[in-house]
């Protein structure tokens, strides 16, 4: 990402956080010279992953449930939505 010194000054902490989170450098064009802000050590892709809520219920409930008896077209799509993740 390329920014001007003015944009850098206005959004310094936001841009620094972005470099830390993504690992992608920021380039600043100052009087025709390009300066770069780069993390000293690249973070791994696993460290940059964002946590997503994928299970809306206890996984044991899915395994133990007899789906042929429980399935009806009028049931909500996620019958166990009210349970919180651990």
N, C-alpha and C. Protein backbone atom coordinates (compact mmCIF):
# COMPACT_ATOMS: atom_id res chain seq x y z
N UNK A 1 0.85 -1.17 0.00
CA UNK A 1 0.00 0.00 0.00
C UNK A 1 0.90 1.23 0.00
N UNK A 2 0.57 2.19 -0.82
CA UNK A 2 1.34 3.42 -0.93
C UNK A 2 0.55 4.58 -0.34
N UNK A 3 1.19 5.35 0.53
CA UNK A 3 0.54 6.51 1.14
C UNK A 3 1.46 7.72 1.06
N UNK A 4 0.86 8.88 1.23
CA UNK A 4 1.63 10.12 1.28
C UNK A 4 2.03 10.36 2.74
N UNK A 5 3.02 11.22 2.98
CA UNK A 5 3.38 11.54 4.36
C UNK A 5 2.19 12.12 5.16
N UNK A 6 1.34 12.88 4.49
CA UNK A 6 0.16 13.44 5.16
C UNK A 6 -0.80 12.33 5.59
N UNK A 7 -1.04 11.36 4.70
CA UNK A 7 -1.91 10.23 5.06
C UNK A 7 -1.30 9.42 6.20
N UNK A 8 0.02 9.25 6.17
CA UNK A 8 0.70 8.53 7.23
C UNK A 8 0.53 9.24 8.56
N UNK A 9 0.69 10.55 8.56
CA UNK A 9 0.56 11.32 9.79
C UNK A 9 -0.86 11.24 10.35
N UNK A 10 -1.86 11.29 9.48
CA UNK A 10 -3.26 11.24 9.92
C UNK A 10 -3.64 9.86 10.48
N UNK A 11 -3.08 8.79 9.90
CA UNK A 11 -3.51 7.43 10.26
C UNK A 11 -2.36 6.56 10.74
N UNK A 12 -1.39 7.14 11.42
CA UNK A 12 -0.17 6.43 11.77
C UNK A 12 -0.45 5.12 12.51
N UNK A 13 -1.20 5.16 13.59
CA UNK A 13 -1.41 3.96 14.40
C UNK A 13 -2.25 2.92 13.66
N UNK A 14 -3.22 3.38 12.92
CA UNK A 14 -4.04 2.47 12.13
C UNK A 14 -3.19 1.75 11.08
N UNK A 15 -2.33 2.50 10.40
CA UNK A 15 -1.47 1.91 9.38
C UNK A 15 -0.44 0.96 9.99
N UNK A 16 0.11 1.32 11.14
CA UNK A 16 1.07 0.44 11.81
C UNK A 16 0.39 -0.87 12.23
N UNK A 17 -0.82 -0.77 12.76
CA UNK A 17 -1.56 -1.98 13.14
C UNK A 17 -1.83 -2.85 11.91
N UNK A 18 -2.10 -2.22 10.80
CA UNK A 18 -2.37 -2.95 9.56
C UNK A 18 -1.12 -3.72 9.11
N UNK A 19 0.05 -3.10 9.23
CA UNK A 19 1.30 -3.77 8.87
C UNK A 19 1.53 -4.98 9.79
N UNK A 20 1.28 -4.80 11.07
CA UNK A 20 1.46 -5.89 12.03
C UNK A 20 0.50 -7.03 11.73
N UNK A 21 -0.78 -6.71 11.46
CA UNK A 21 -1.79 -7.75 11.25
C UNK A 21 -1.61 -8.49 9.92
N UNK A 22 -1.30 -7.76 8.86
CA UNK A 22 -1.25 -8.39 7.54
C UNK A 22 0.16 -8.81 7.12
N UNK A 23 1.16 -8.16 7.69
CA UNK A 23 2.54 -8.44 7.28
C UNK A 23 2.92 -7.74 5.99
N UNK A 24 1.99 -7.00 5.39
CA UNK A 24 2.27 -6.30 4.13
C UNK A 24 2.86 -4.92 4.43
N UNK A 25 3.93 -4.55 3.74
CA UNK A 25 4.58 -3.26 4.00
C UNK A 25 3.76 -2.08 3.50
N UNK A 26 4.06 -0.93 4.06
CA UNK A 26 3.47 0.33 3.61
C UNK A 26 4.60 1.15 3.00
N UNK A 27 4.35 1.74 1.84
CA UNK A 27 5.34 2.57 1.17
C UNK A 27 4.92 4.03 1.27
N UNK A 28 5.88 4.87 1.63
CA UNK A 28 5.62 6.31 1.75
C UNK A 28 6.48 7.01 0.70
N UNK A 29 5.86 7.81 -0.15
CA UNK A 29 6.58 8.54 -1.17
C UNK A 29 6.88 9.94 -0.64
N UNK A 30 8.18 10.21 -0.38
CA UNK A 30 8.59 11.51 0.17
C UNK A 30 9.59 12.13 -0.78
N UNK A 31 9.15 13.16 -1.49
CA UNK A 31 10.02 13.89 -2.45
C UNK A 31 10.66 12.95 -3.47
N UNK A 32 9.87 12.01 -3.98
CA UNK A 32 10.36 11.11 -5.01
C UNK A 32 11.12 9.90 -4.48
N UNK A 33 11.34 9.84 -3.18
CA UNK A 33 12.03 8.70 -2.57
C UNK A 33 10.98 7.85 -1.85
N UNK A 34 11.05 6.55 -2.10
CA UNK A 34 10.07 5.65 -1.49
C UNK A 34 10.66 5.04 -0.22
N UNK A 35 9.96 5.24 0.88
CA UNK A 35 10.33 4.66 2.17
C UNK A 35 9.35 3.54 2.48
N UNK A 36 9.81 2.53 3.20
CA UNK A 36 8.93 1.39 3.50
C UNK A 36 8.89 1.14 5.00
N UNK A 37 7.70 0.83 5.48
CA UNK A 37 7.51 0.35 6.85
C UNK A 37 7.18 -1.13 6.72
N UNK A 38 8.08 -1.96 7.23
CA UNK A 38 7.94 -3.42 7.09
C UNK A 38 8.14 -4.07 8.45
N UNK A 39 7.41 -5.14 8.73
CA UNK A 39 7.67 -5.84 9.98
C UNK A 39 9.05 -6.51 9.92
N UNK A 40 9.77 -6.49 11.03
CA UNK A 40 11.10 -7.09 11.06
C UNK A 40 11.02 -8.59 10.82
N UNK A 41 10.04 -9.23 11.46
CA UNK A 41 9.82 -10.65 11.24
C UNK A 41 8.42 -10.82 10.70
N UNK A 42 8.29 -11.59 9.63
CA UNK A 42 6.96 -11.82 9.09
C UNK A 42 6.20 -12.74 10.03
N UNK A 43 4.94 -12.39 10.28
CA UNK A 43 4.11 -13.27 11.09
C UNK A 43 3.61 -14.42 10.21
N UNK A 44 3.37 -15.54 10.84
CA UNK A 44 2.91 -16.69 10.07
C UNK A 44 1.45 -16.50 9.67
N UNK A 45 1.04 -17.21 8.64
CA UNK A 45 -0.35 -17.11 8.19
C UNK A 45 -1.30 -17.57 9.29
N UNK A 46 -0.90 -18.55 10.07
CA UNK A 46 -1.76 -19.03 11.15
C UNK A 46 -1.99 -17.96 12.20
N UNK A 47 -0.97 -17.16 12.49
CA UNK A 47 -1.13 -16.09 13.48
C UNK A 47 -2.06 -14.99 12.97
N UNK A 48 -2.16 -14.83 11.66
CA UNK A 48 -3.00 -13.77 11.10
C UNK A 48 -4.44 -14.19 10.89
N UNK A 49 -4.75 -15.47 11.11
CA UNK A 49 -6.13 -15.92 10.93
C UNK A 49 -7.06 -15.25 11.92
N UNK A 50 -8.23 -14.92 11.46
CA UNK A 50 -9.24 -14.34 12.33
C UNK A 50 -10.15 -15.45 12.82
N UNK A 51 -10.54 -15.35 14.08
CA UNK A 51 -11.39 -16.36 14.66
C UNK A 51 -12.81 -16.23 14.09
N UNK A 52 -13.36 -17.37 13.67
CA UNK A 52 -14.71 -17.40 13.14
C UNK A 52 -15.56 -18.35 13.97
N UNK A 53 -16.78 -17.99 14.16
CA UNK A 53 -17.70 -18.88 14.86
C UNK A 53 -18.27 -19.85 13.83
N UNK A 54 -17.88 -21.09 13.92
CA UNK A 54 -18.35 -22.06 12.95
C UNK A 54 -19.38 -23.01 13.53
N UNK A 55 -19.26 -23.32 14.80
CA UNK A 55 -20.21 -24.23 15.45
C UNK A 55 -21.18 -23.40 16.29
N UNK A 56 -22.43 -23.64 16.12
CA UNK A 56 -23.44 -22.92 16.88
C UNK A 56 -23.96 -23.75 18.05
N UNK A 57 -23.37 -24.91 18.25
CA UNK A 57 -23.80 -25.77 19.34
C UNK A 57 -22.67 -26.70 19.76
N UNK A 58 -22.93 -27.52 20.75
CA UNK A 58 -21.98 -28.50 21.21
C UNK A 58 -21.83 -29.58 20.14
N UNK A 59 -20.62 -29.91 19.67
CA UNK A 59 -20.44 -30.92 18.63
C UNK A 59 -21.03 -32.29 19.00
N UNK A 60 -21.04 -32.62 20.28
CA UNK A 60 -21.61 -33.90 20.71
C UNK A 60 -23.10 -33.98 20.36
N UNK A 61 -23.78 -32.85 20.39
CA UNK A 61 -25.20 -32.83 20.07
C UNK A 61 -25.44 -33.26 18.62
N UNK A 62 -24.53 -32.90 17.74
CA UNK A 62 -24.66 -33.26 16.32
C UNK A 62 -24.45 -34.77 16.15
N UNK A 63 -23.45 -35.29 16.84
CA UNK A 63 -23.12 -36.71 16.70
C UNK A 63 -24.20 -37.60 17.30
N UNK A 64 -24.70 -37.24 18.47
CA UNK A 64 -25.64 -38.08 19.19
C UNK A 64 -27.07 -38.00 18.67
N UNK A 65 -27.38 -37.01 17.90
CA UNK A 65 -28.74 -36.80 17.45
C UNK A 65 -29.14 -37.81 16.36
N UNK A 66 -30.34 -38.35 16.46
CA UNK A 66 -30.87 -39.22 15.41
C UNK A 66 -31.59 -38.31 14.42
N UNK A 67 -30.89 -37.95 13.34
CA UNK A 67 -31.38 -36.93 12.43
C UNK A 67 -32.61 -37.36 11.64
N UNK A 68 -32.79 -38.62 11.38
CA UNK A 68 -33.97 -39.04 10.62
C UNK A 68 -35.25 -38.77 11.40
N UNK A 69 -35.21 -38.97 12.70
CA UNK A 69 -36.39 -38.71 13.51
C UNK A 69 -36.56 -37.21 13.79
N UNK A 70 -35.46 -36.50 13.90
CA UNK A 70 -35.52 -35.09 14.29
C UNK A 70 -35.76 -34.14 13.12
N UNK A 71 -35.50 -34.58 11.89
CA UNK A 71 -35.57 -33.66 10.76
C UNK A 71 -37.00 -33.45 10.30
N UNK A 72 -37.37 -32.19 10.24
CA UNK A 72 -38.66 -31.76 9.70
C UNK A 72 -38.41 -30.49 8.90
N UNK A 73 -39.13 -30.30 7.85
CA UNK A 73 -38.91 -29.11 7.01
C UNK A 73 -39.21 -27.80 7.75
N UNK A 74 -40.07 -27.84 8.74
CA UNK A 74 -40.44 -26.60 9.43
C UNK A 74 -39.50 -26.25 10.59
N UNK A 75 -38.48 -27.07 10.88
CA UNK A 75 -37.54 -26.76 11.95
C UNK A 75 -36.59 -25.67 11.49
N UNK A 76 -36.07 -24.87 12.43
CA UNK A 76 -35.07 -23.87 12.05
C UNK A 76 -33.82 -24.55 11.50
N UNK A 77 -33.08 -23.82 10.74
CA UNK A 77 -31.90 -24.37 10.08
C UNK A 77 -30.86 -24.86 11.09
N UNK A 78 -30.67 -24.13 12.20
CA UNK A 78 -29.71 -24.51 13.23
C UNK A 78 -30.47 -24.74 14.54
N UNK A 79 -30.87 -25.97 14.82
CA UNK A 79 -31.68 -26.22 16.00
C UNK A 79 -30.95 -25.96 17.31
N UNK A 80 -29.64 -25.92 17.31
CA UNK A 80 -28.91 -25.75 18.57
C UNK A 80 -28.27 -24.37 18.66
N UNK A 81 -28.77 -23.39 17.99
CA UNK A 81 -28.19 -22.05 17.93
C UNK A 81 -28.05 -21.38 19.30
N UNK A 82 -28.93 -21.71 20.23
CA UNK A 82 -28.93 -21.01 21.51
C UNK A 82 -27.75 -21.38 22.41
N UNK A 83 -27.09 -22.50 22.17
CA UNK A 83 -25.96 -22.90 23.00
C UNK A 83 -24.73 -22.09 22.64
N UNK A 84 -23.97 -21.68 23.64
CA UNK A 84 -22.77 -20.87 23.39
C UNK A 84 -21.56 -21.78 23.17
N UNK A 85 -20.61 -21.28 22.44
CA UNK A 85 -19.37 -22.00 22.24
C UNK A 85 -18.56 -21.96 23.53
N UNK A 86 -17.77 -22.97 23.73
CA UNK A 86 -16.93 -23.02 24.95
C UNK A 86 -15.62 -22.33 24.72
